[in-house]
Protein backbone atom coordinates (compact mmCIF):
# COMPACT_ATOMS: atom_id res chain seq x y z
CA MET A 1 -49.85 -65.81 -20.93
CA LYS A 2 -48.93 -68.51 -23.22
CA TYR A 3 -47.23 -67.28 -26.58
CA PHE A 4 -46.08 -68.84 -29.94
CA PHE A 5 -42.80 -68.18 -31.76
CA ILE A 6 -42.54 -68.72 -35.42
CA LEU A 7 -38.90 -70.16 -35.90
CA GLY A 8 -36.34 -69.31 -38.48
CA ASN A 9 -34.72 -71.54 -40.71
CA ASN A 10 -32.64 -72.86 -37.43
CA PRO A 11 -35.03 -74.18 -34.72
CA SER A 12 -32.28 -75.31 -32.37
CA LEU A 13 -30.60 -72.02 -32.70
CA SER A 14 -33.94 -70.12 -32.63
CA VAL A 15 -35.25 -71.68 -29.36
CA ALA A 16 -31.75 -71.14 -27.73
CA GLU A 17 -32.11 -67.49 -28.52
CA ILE A 18 -35.52 -67.30 -26.51
CA LEU A 19 -34.47 -69.22 -23.56
CA ALA A 20 -31.55 -67.18 -23.02
CA ILE A 21 -33.78 -64.12 -23.37
CA PHE A 22 -36.14 -65.62 -20.94
CA PRO A 23 -34.29 -67.79 -18.64
CA LYS A 24 -36.49 -67.98 -15.89
CA TYR A 25 -39.36 -69.80 -17.63
CA THR A 26 -39.50 -73.37 -17.91
CA ASP A 27 -42.90 -74.18 -19.04
CA PHE A 28 -42.25 -74.35 -22.99
CA THR A 29 -43.05 -76.72 -25.64
CA LEU A 30 -41.48 -77.02 -29.32
CA ILE A 31 -44.41 -78.37 -31.45
CA SER A 32 -42.51 -78.39 -34.83
CA GLN A 33 -39.33 -77.14 -36.51
CA ASP A 34 -41.63 -73.84 -37.11
CA VAL A 35 -43.49 -73.35 -33.69
CA PHE A 36 -42.35 -72.90 -30.07
CA LEU A 37 -44.60 -72.22 -27.19
CA LEU A 38 -43.40 -70.48 -23.86
CA LYS A 39 -45.65 -69.69 -21.21
CA LEU A 40 -44.62 -66.34 -19.68
CA GLU A 41 -45.62 -64.36 -16.39
CA GLU A 42 -45.27 -61.08 -18.69
CA ASN A 43 -47.05 -59.18 -21.19
CA LEU A 44 -45.00 -58.90 -24.31
CA SER A 45 -45.15 -56.08 -26.63
CA LYS A 46 -44.56 -55.85 -30.50
CA GLU A 47 -41.40 -54.13 -29.51
CA THR A 48 -39.71 -57.71 -28.59
CA ILE A 49 -39.37 -58.78 -32.13
CA ASN A 50 -36.70 -56.59 -32.36
CA ARG A 51 -34.60 -58.82 -29.86
CA LEU A 52 -35.15 -61.68 -31.59
CA GLY A 53 -32.56 -62.51 -34.47
CA GLY A 54 -34.25 -66.15 -34.93
CA THR A 55 -37.90 -65.62 -35.02
CA ILE A 56 -39.97 -64.78 -37.79
CA LYS A 57 -43.28 -63.96 -35.92
CA PHE A 58 -44.84 -64.06 -32.96
CA GLY A 59 -47.87 -63.68 -30.53
CA GLN A 60 -50.36 -65.08 -28.24
CA ILE A 61 -52.29 -68.08 -27.60
CA ILE A 62 -55.95 -67.20 -26.66
CA PHE A 63 -58.17 -70.28 -27.10
CA GLU A 64 -57.91 -74.13 -27.63
CA ALA A 65 -60.68 -75.36 -29.77
CA LYS A 66 -61.91 -78.52 -31.91
CA GLU A 67 -62.02 -77.94 -36.05
CA LYS A 68 -66.03 -77.77 -35.90
CA ASP A 69 -65.75 -74.67 -33.22
CA LEU A 70 -63.12 -72.58 -35.02
CA LEU A 71 -65.31 -70.24 -36.73
CA GLY A 72 -67.25 -68.91 -33.52
CA SER A 73 -63.66 -68.83 -31.90
CA LEU A 74 -62.40 -67.00 -34.69
CA LEU A 75 -65.14 -64.60 -34.88
CA SER A 76 -65.01 -63.97 -30.85
CA LEU A 77 -61.59 -62.34 -31.25
CA ILE A 78 -62.97 -59.61 -33.69
CA GLU A 79 -64.02 -56.32 -31.72
CA LEU A 80 -66.27 -54.81 -34.00
CA ASN A 81 -66.31 -51.35 -32.09
CA ASN A 82 -62.75 -50.96 -32.65
CA ILE A 83 -62.98 -51.20 -36.62
CA LYS A 84 -62.42 -47.74 -37.97
CA GLU A 85 -61.77 -48.49 -41.49
CA LYS A 86 -61.55 -51.54 -43.79
CA PHE A 87 -60.68 -54.68 -41.60
CA HIS A 88 -57.60 -56.59 -43.23
CA PHE A 89 -56.94 -60.32 -42.10
CA GLY A 90 -55.51 -63.62 -42.59
CA ILE A 91 -55.30 -66.87 -41.13
CA SER A 92 -51.90 -68.80 -40.82
CA VAL A 93 -52.17 -72.80 -40.17
CA TYR A 94 -48.98 -74.55 -38.67
CA GLY A 95 -49.22 -78.14 -38.60
CA PRO A 96 -51.58 -80.54 -40.97
CA LYS A 97 -53.61 -78.61 -43.65
CA LEU A 98 -56.99 -77.03 -42.56
CA ALA A 99 -59.54 -75.47 -45.33
CA THR A 100 -58.95 -71.87 -44.42
CA LYS A 101 -60.79 -70.26 -47.53
CA PRO A 102 -64.35 -71.13 -46.06
CA LEU A 103 -63.54 -69.61 -43.14
CA GLY A 104 -62.05 -66.79 -44.37
CA MET A 105 -65.30 -65.85 -46.31
CA GLU A 106 -67.75 -66.80 -43.34
CA ILE A 107 -65.51 -64.12 -41.46
CA LYS A 108 -65.55 -61.68 -44.35
CA ASN A 109 -68.94 -62.20 -44.53
CA TYR A 110 -70.19 -61.51 -40.96
CA ILE A 111 -68.11 -58.35 -40.85
CA LYS A 112 -70.14 -56.89 -43.71
CA GLU A 113 -73.08 -58.36 -42.17
CA ALA A 114 -72.21 -55.81 -38.93
CA GLY A 115 -71.71 -53.31 -41.54
CA TYR A 116 -67.95 -53.09 -41.95
CA SER A 117 -65.87 -53.54 -44.62
CA ALA A 118 -63.34 -56.24 -44.71
CA ARG A 119 -60.53 -57.61 -46.79
CA PHE A 120 -59.21 -61.66 -46.70
CA VAL A 121 -55.65 -61.64 -47.36
CA VAL A 122 -54.12 -65.00 -48.75
CA GLY A 123 -51.20 -66.59 -49.88
CA ARG A 124 -49.39 -69.87 -51.83
CA ASP A 125 -48.93 -71.45 -48.42
CA GLN A 126 -50.86 -72.27 -45.48
CA ALA A 127 -48.78 -69.80 -43.46
CA LEU A 128 -48.51 -66.30 -44.47
CA SER A 129 -44.94 -65.06 -44.98
CA SER A 130 -43.74 -61.86 -42.77
CA VAL A 131 -43.80 -59.65 -45.90
CA ILE A 132 -47.55 -60.50 -46.65
CA VAL A 133 -48.42 -59.63 -43.36
CA GLU A 134 -46.68 -56.22 -43.16
CA GLN A 135 -47.17 -55.39 -46.86
CA ASN A 136 -50.84 -56.20 -46.23
CA TYR A 137 -51.24 -53.68 -43.24
CA LEU A 138 -52.66 -57.23 -41.38
CA LEU A 139 -51.11 -55.84 -37.84
CA ASP A 140 -51.96 -52.30 -38.09
CA LYS A 141 -55.39 -52.54 -39.80
CA GLY A 142 -56.81 -55.69 -38.71
CA MET A 143 -55.56 -59.43 -37.34
CA GLU A 144 -53.54 -62.21 -38.48
CA PHE A 145 -55.24 -65.60 -37.25
CA ILE A 146 -52.89 -68.37 -36.10
CA LEU A 147 -54.03 -71.86 -36.35
CA ILE A 148 -51.50 -74.28 -34.69
CA SER A 149 -52.61 -78.02 -34.27
CA TYR A 150 -51.63 -79.91 -31.28
CA ASN A 151 -52.32 -82.55 -29.18
CA ASN A 152 -55.95 -83.41 -31.39
CA THR A 153 -56.89 -79.74 -30.96
CA ILE A 154 -56.18 -76.79 -32.52
CA LEU A 155 -54.43 -73.73 -30.65
CA LEU A 156 -55.88 -70.08 -31.98
CA GLY A 157 -53.66 -66.87 -31.15
CA ASN A 158 -53.06 -63.90 -33.01
CA THR A 159 -49.80 -62.37 -34.42
CA ILE A 160 -48.67 -59.41 -32.27
CA ALA A 161 -45.34 -58.66 -34.38
CA VAL A 162 -43.24 -59.93 -37.50
CA GLN A 163 -39.57 -59.78 -38.12
CA PRO A 164 -38.81 -56.05 -39.44
CA PHE A 165 -37.28 -57.59 -42.46
CA LYS A 166 -37.15 -54.17 -43.98
CA SER A 167 -35.04 -52.46 -41.30
CA LEU A 168 -32.99 -55.62 -41.29
CA SER A 169 -31.89 -55.49 -45.18
CA PHE A 170 -31.63 -51.69 -44.77
CA ARG A 171 -29.05 -52.27 -42.03
CA ASP A 172 -27.43 -54.91 -43.82
CA TYR A 173 -27.08 -53.53 -47.49
CA GLY A 174 -27.24 -49.72 -46.52
CA ARG A 175 -24.49 -49.32 -44.13
CA PRO A 176 -21.75 -47.08 -45.36
CA GLY A 177 -18.80 -49.18 -44.06
CA ARG A 178 -18.74 -52.65 -46.09
CA ASP A 179 -16.53 -55.45 -46.63
CA ASP A 180 -17.75 -58.03 -49.15
CA ARG A 181 -14.22 -59.46 -49.62
CA SER A 182 -13.78 -60.81 -46.16
CA GLY A 183 -17.56 -61.58 -45.61
CA MET A 184 -20.32 -60.02 -43.72
CA LEU A 185 -22.15 -61.28 -40.84
CA PRO A 186 -26.00 -61.28 -40.96
CA PRO A 187 -27.60 -58.90 -38.30
CA LYS A 188 -29.73 -61.44 -37.42
CA LEU A 189 -27.20 -63.92 -36.63
CA ALA A 190 -25.41 -61.07 -34.91
CA GLN A 191 -28.36 -60.67 -32.71
CA ILE A 192 -28.50 -64.21 -31.77
CA LEU A 193 -24.63 -64.22 -30.84
CA ILE A 194 -25.50 -61.19 -28.45
CA ASN A 195 -28.27 -62.41 -26.97
CA LEU A 196 -26.61 -65.90 -26.04
CA SER A 197 -23.52 -63.73 -24.33
CA ILE A 198 -25.12 -61.05 -22.35
CA SER A 199 -27.95 -61.08 -19.40
CA TYR A 200 -28.72 -57.15 -20.47
CA LYS A 201 -27.67 -55.83 -16.76
CA GLU A 202 -27.63 -52.14 -16.63
CA ASN A 203 -24.45 -50.62 -17.76
CA SER A 204 -22.84 -54.05 -19.00
CA THR A 205 -19.86 -53.98 -21.37
CA LEU A 206 -19.85 -55.98 -24.40
CA LEU A 207 -16.59 -56.60 -26.46
CA ASP A 208 -16.54 -57.56 -30.15
CA PRO A 209 -12.46 -58.46 -30.45
CA PHE A 210 -12.84 -59.31 -34.07
CA CYS A 211 -15.19 -56.26 -34.71
CA GLY A 212 -15.10 -56.20 -38.87
CA SER A 213 -17.18 -53.45 -40.00
CA GLY A 214 -19.40 -53.46 -36.76
CA THR A 215 -22.08 -55.62 -37.30
CA ILE A 216 -22.33 -56.91 -33.43
CA LEU A 217 -21.74 -53.41 -32.14
CA THR A 218 -24.33 -51.68 -34.12
CA GLU A 219 -26.88 -54.09 -33.27
CA ALA A 220 -25.80 -54.53 -29.77
CA MET A 221 -26.59 -50.47 -29.75
CA LEU A 222 -30.49 -51.26 -30.81
CA LEU A 223 -30.74 -53.52 -28.56
CA GLY A 224 -29.95 -51.13 -25.76
CA ILE A 225 -26.35 -52.28 -24.80
CA LYS A 226 -25.02 -48.76 -23.62
CA ASN A 227 -20.94 -49.61 -23.47
CA LEU A 228 -19.16 -51.13 -26.06
CA ILE A 229 -15.73 -52.08 -26.93
CA GLY A 230 -14.11 -52.89 -30.50
CA SER A 231 -11.31 -54.15 -31.69
CA ASP A 232 -9.59 -55.78 -34.79
CA SER A 233 -6.12 -55.75 -36.09
CA SER A 234 -7.27 -54.18 -39.69
CA GLU A 235 -7.18 -50.23 -39.42
CA LYS A 236 -9.94 -50.45 -42.58
CA ALA A 237 -12.14 -52.50 -40.04
CA ILE A 238 -11.91 -49.72 -37.59
CA ALA A 239 -12.62 -46.82 -39.50
CA ASP A 240 -15.36 -48.96 -41.27
CA THR A 241 -17.15 -49.57 -37.75
CA LYS A 242 -16.73 -46.02 -36.80
CA LYS A 243 -18.61 -44.94 -39.84
CA ASN A 244 -21.36 -47.72 -39.13
CA ILE A 245 -21.62 -46.78 -35.54
CA LYS A 246 -22.41 -43.09 -36.62
CA TRP A 247 -24.58 -44.27 -38.92
CA ILE A 248 -26.79 -46.07 -37.03
CA SER A 249 -26.58 -43.32 -34.16
CA LYS A 250 -28.21 -40.89 -36.63
CA ASN A 251 -30.80 -43.47 -38.62
CA TYR A 252 -32.28 -44.77 -35.03
CA LYS A 253 -31.76 -41.55 -33.19
CA ILE A 254 -29.76 -43.74 -30.16
CA PRO A 255 -28.54 -41.29 -27.37
CA ASP A 256 -25.79 -41.78 -24.78
CA LEU A 257 -23.54 -44.35 -26.52
CA ASN A 258 -20.44 -45.04 -24.65
CA TYR A 259 -18.00 -46.95 -27.28
CA GLN A 260 -14.05 -47.47 -27.64
CA LEU A 261 -12.27 -49.19 -30.59
CA PHE A 262 -9.02 -50.22 -30.80
CA CYS A 263 -6.86 -51.23 -33.78
CA LEU A 264 -5.67 -54.58 -32.15
CA SER A 265 -4.86 -58.17 -32.22
CA ALA A 266 -7.12 -60.31 -30.11
CA ALA A 267 -4.42 -62.20 -28.68
CA GLU A 268 -2.95 -58.73 -27.24
CA LEU A 269 -6.08 -57.63 -25.56
CA THR A 270 -4.85 -57.67 -22.10
CA LYS A 271 -2.39 -54.28 -23.10
CA THR A 272 -5.72 -52.21 -23.28
CA ILE A 273 -8.32 -53.96 -21.56
CA ALA A 274 -8.08 -54.32 -18.20
CA SER A 275 -8.63 -57.79 -16.32
CA ASP A 276 -12.25 -58.93 -15.13
CA SER A 277 -13.72 -55.71 -16.90
CA ILE A 278 -15.92 -57.17 -19.54
CA ASP A 279 -19.65 -58.54 -18.91
CA ALA A 280 -19.82 -60.29 -22.29
CA ILE A 281 -17.95 -61.37 -25.59
CA ALA A 282 -19.83 -61.71 -28.85
CA THR A 283 -17.62 -62.35 -31.97
CA GLU A 284 -16.98 -63.80 -35.33
CA PRO A 285 -13.62 -64.40 -35.58
CA TYR A 286 -11.96 -64.91 -38.94
CA LEU A 287 -12.98 -67.89 -40.07
CA GLY A 288 -10.06 -68.99 -42.43
CA PRO A 289 -10.34 -68.48 -46.81
CA GLN A 290 -13.77 -68.76 -47.99
CA ARG A 291 -13.12 -69.25 -51.47
CA GLY A 292 -10.19 -70.81 -53.91
CA SER A 293 -8.32 -73.85 -53.17
CA PHE A 294 -6.25 -74.11 -49.69
CA GLU A 295 -4.61 -76.60 -47.34
CA LEU A 296 -7.02 -77.53 -45.29
CA HIS A 297 -4.83 -79.15 -42.37
CA LYS A 298 -2.93 -75.99 -42.29
CA VAL A 299 -5.72 -73.63 -42.21
CA ILE A 300 -7.16 -75.41 -39.13
CA ASN A 301 -3.72 -75.55 -37.25
CA GLU A 302 -3.59 -71.52 -38.01
CA LEU A 303 -7.09 -70.92 -36.87
CA ASN A 304 -6.49 -73.30 -34.23
CA GLY A 305 -3.72 -71.21 -32.83
CA LEU A 306 -5.50 -67.68 -33.26
CA TYR A 307 -8.24 -69.02 -31.19
CA THR A 308 -6.42 -70.40 -28.30
CA LYS A 309 -4.13 -66.99 -28.26
CA ALA A 310 -7.63 -65.23 -28.12
CA LEU A 311 -9.39 -67.36 -25.52
CA SER A 312 -6.68 -67.17 -23.17
CA GLU A 313 -7.06 -63.33 -23.27
CA PHE A 314 -10.82 -63.15 -23.34
CA TYR A 315 -10.55 -65.28 -19.92
CA LYS A 316 -8.44 -62.59 -18.15
CA ILE A 317 -10.41 -59.63 -19.59
CA LEU A 318 -14.28 -61.71 -18.63
CA LYS A 319 -15.65 -60.97 -15.30
CA PRO A 320 -16.15 -64.15 -13.42
CA GLY A 321 -19.50 -66.17 -14.64
CA SER A 322 -19.38 -64.31 -17.79
CA ARG A 323 -20.04 -65.73 -21.17
CA ILE A 324 -18.26 -65.93 -24.91
CA ALA A 325 -20.28 -66.74 -27.78
CA MET A 326 -18.65 -66.97 -30.95
CA ILE A 327 -18.68 -68.48 -34.25
CA TRP A 328 -15.83 -71.17 -35.47
CA PRO A 329 -15.53 -72.65 -38.83
CA ILE A 330 -16.39 -76.03 -39.82
CA PHE A 331 -14.76 -77.38 -43.17
CA ASN A 332 -14.74 -80.39 -45.52
CA ASN A 333 -18.69 -80.86 -45.33
CA GLN A 334 -18.99 -80.46 -41.87
CA LYS A 335 -16.41 -83.22 -40.96
CA SER A 336 -13.43 -80.96 -39.91
CA PHE A 337 -13.94 -79.23 -36.59
CA LEU A 338 -11.92 -76.86 -34.60
CA ASN A 339 -10.17 -77.60 -31.57
CA PRO A 340 -8.93 -75.00 -29.64
CA ASN A 341 -7.45 -74.80 -26.20
CA LEU A 342 -9.70 -73.85 -23.76
CA GLY A 343 -7.86 -73.37 -21.05
CA LYS A 344 -10.15 -72.93 -17.88
CA LEU A 345 -13.24 -71.97 -20.14
CA LYS A 346 -15.81 -74.70 -20.69
CA ILE A 347 -18.44 -74.98 -23.61
CA ILE A 348 -22.03 -74.62 -22.11
CA ASN A 349 -25.22 -76.47 -23.18
CA LEU A 350 -27.30 -74.34 -25.39
CA LEU A 351 -30.32 -76.09 -24.58
CA PRO A 352 -32.10 -77.70 -21.52
CA ASP A 353 -31.84 -81.23 -20.66
CA SER A 354 -35.67 -81.57 -21.66
CA LEU A 355 -34.94 -80.87 -25.16
CA LYS A 356 -31.71 -82.49 -26.26
CA ASN A 357 -33.59 -85.65 -27.03
CA ASN A 358 -35.90 -83.80 -29.17
CA LYS A 359 -35.94 -85.24 -33.07
CA LEU A 360 -36.56 -81.53 -33.96
CA ILE A 361 -32.90 -80.40 -31.96
CA SER A 362 -29.98 -80.66 -33.72
CA LEU A 363 -26.64 -80.77 -31.54
CA THR A 364 -23.10 -81.49 -32.10
CA LYS A 365 -21.32 -84.08 -29.61
CA ARG A 366 -20.16 -80.80 -27.80
CA GLN A 367 -23.67 -79.21 -27.55
CA THR A 368 -23.10 -76.37 -29.92
CA ILE A 369 -24.98 -75.56 -32.95
CA ILE A 370 -24.49 -75.76 -36.86
CA TYR A 371 -25.61 -72.70 -38.64
CA GLY A 372 -25.58 -72.91 -42.46
CA ARG A 373 -27.41 -73.72 -45.47
CA PRO A 374 -26.68 -76.44 -48.32
CA GLY A 375 -24.02 -75.79 -50.69
CA GLN A 376 -21.90 -73.45 -48.36
CA LYS A 377 -18.41 -74.07 -48.18
CA VAL A 378 -17.68 -72.94 -44.78
CA PHE A 379 -20.19 -73.78 -41.96
CA ARG A 380 -20.23 -71.91 -38.68
CA GLU A 381 -20.19 -73.56 -35.19
CA ILE A 382 -22.13 -71.37 -32.56
CA VAL A 383 -19.87 -71.84 -29.45
CA VAL A 384 -20.66 -70.29 -26.06
CA LEU A 385 -18.43 -70.19 -23.48
CA GLU A 386 -18.22 -69.50 -19.91
CA LYS A 387 -15.70 -68.18 -17.16
């Protein structure tokens, strides 16, 4: 089965996450900054989207067709016998523009002539957003057809699921324990860090040693990780995390959760956590001041010292072969990077060699990925290390 993944605004990070979730599959193609194709032996359900922080929508590729044959191919996907009410459909194009309005009207007329009602949903852009797809019930009451230009042909597919933007927003802004002053890690980025760090083995234990208000821990709960440990040097952070864990458990009905929280500096983890006991670490540490003026060299020296001590502790408590996915800040318009002492840990390549020379992929010299938007004062460097 060949699947398409419509990527978020950082293609490198989105692809790294997908390949981390499906590590044994090597038949893939990055077609554009929007589209990644992956051939799998397994069938993906719509719930798969809940694991993918960096994917906007995904679905199945069904046909390859020439432009002149598109209408017949699209019509063959519609099962008239299964239409129970008005059929809602839309067409999204990725690549060079195609005239979708005539196609849409032909499909609508075909359905009406068969004795059914149809609604053709359009948007301002040639690709429909997740919001349009969701709010117009395309996946519940019809289909979103996907047309992808590739190698002088058109790949035709249908969307299985779109990113659950309502649920993500609810978790981001609805949680009872928030600390806007110290910053909030977006749930989507928290999911990506978790996916880059852990292999989802049964009874795996994940640690966030700078847990803040618990975004990584609560997202890990939703991803099905049962054993969680959070620590932070701030008592308020631990209290907020506890509130948010209870809130997520209640709202998403998560049973059988085993978690521990410690008010503890990341430089003192071995006082409480046993050696070689942790399967994965996912964390966003203190990134330095986010507002106002500061002495850059002083901040970098302090953070290098903090991270060096933390990494030394991480190494001791991690199981051999386990990973750390963490964020390091980048200052001075992406010119000033941190360089803590890694000890025996090593930075791993987030993407396979076959993609490193792809012009759509952007990696630093040490094979890490930069995450941020234009105008940000401090960018995030996504760093994955292995013991």
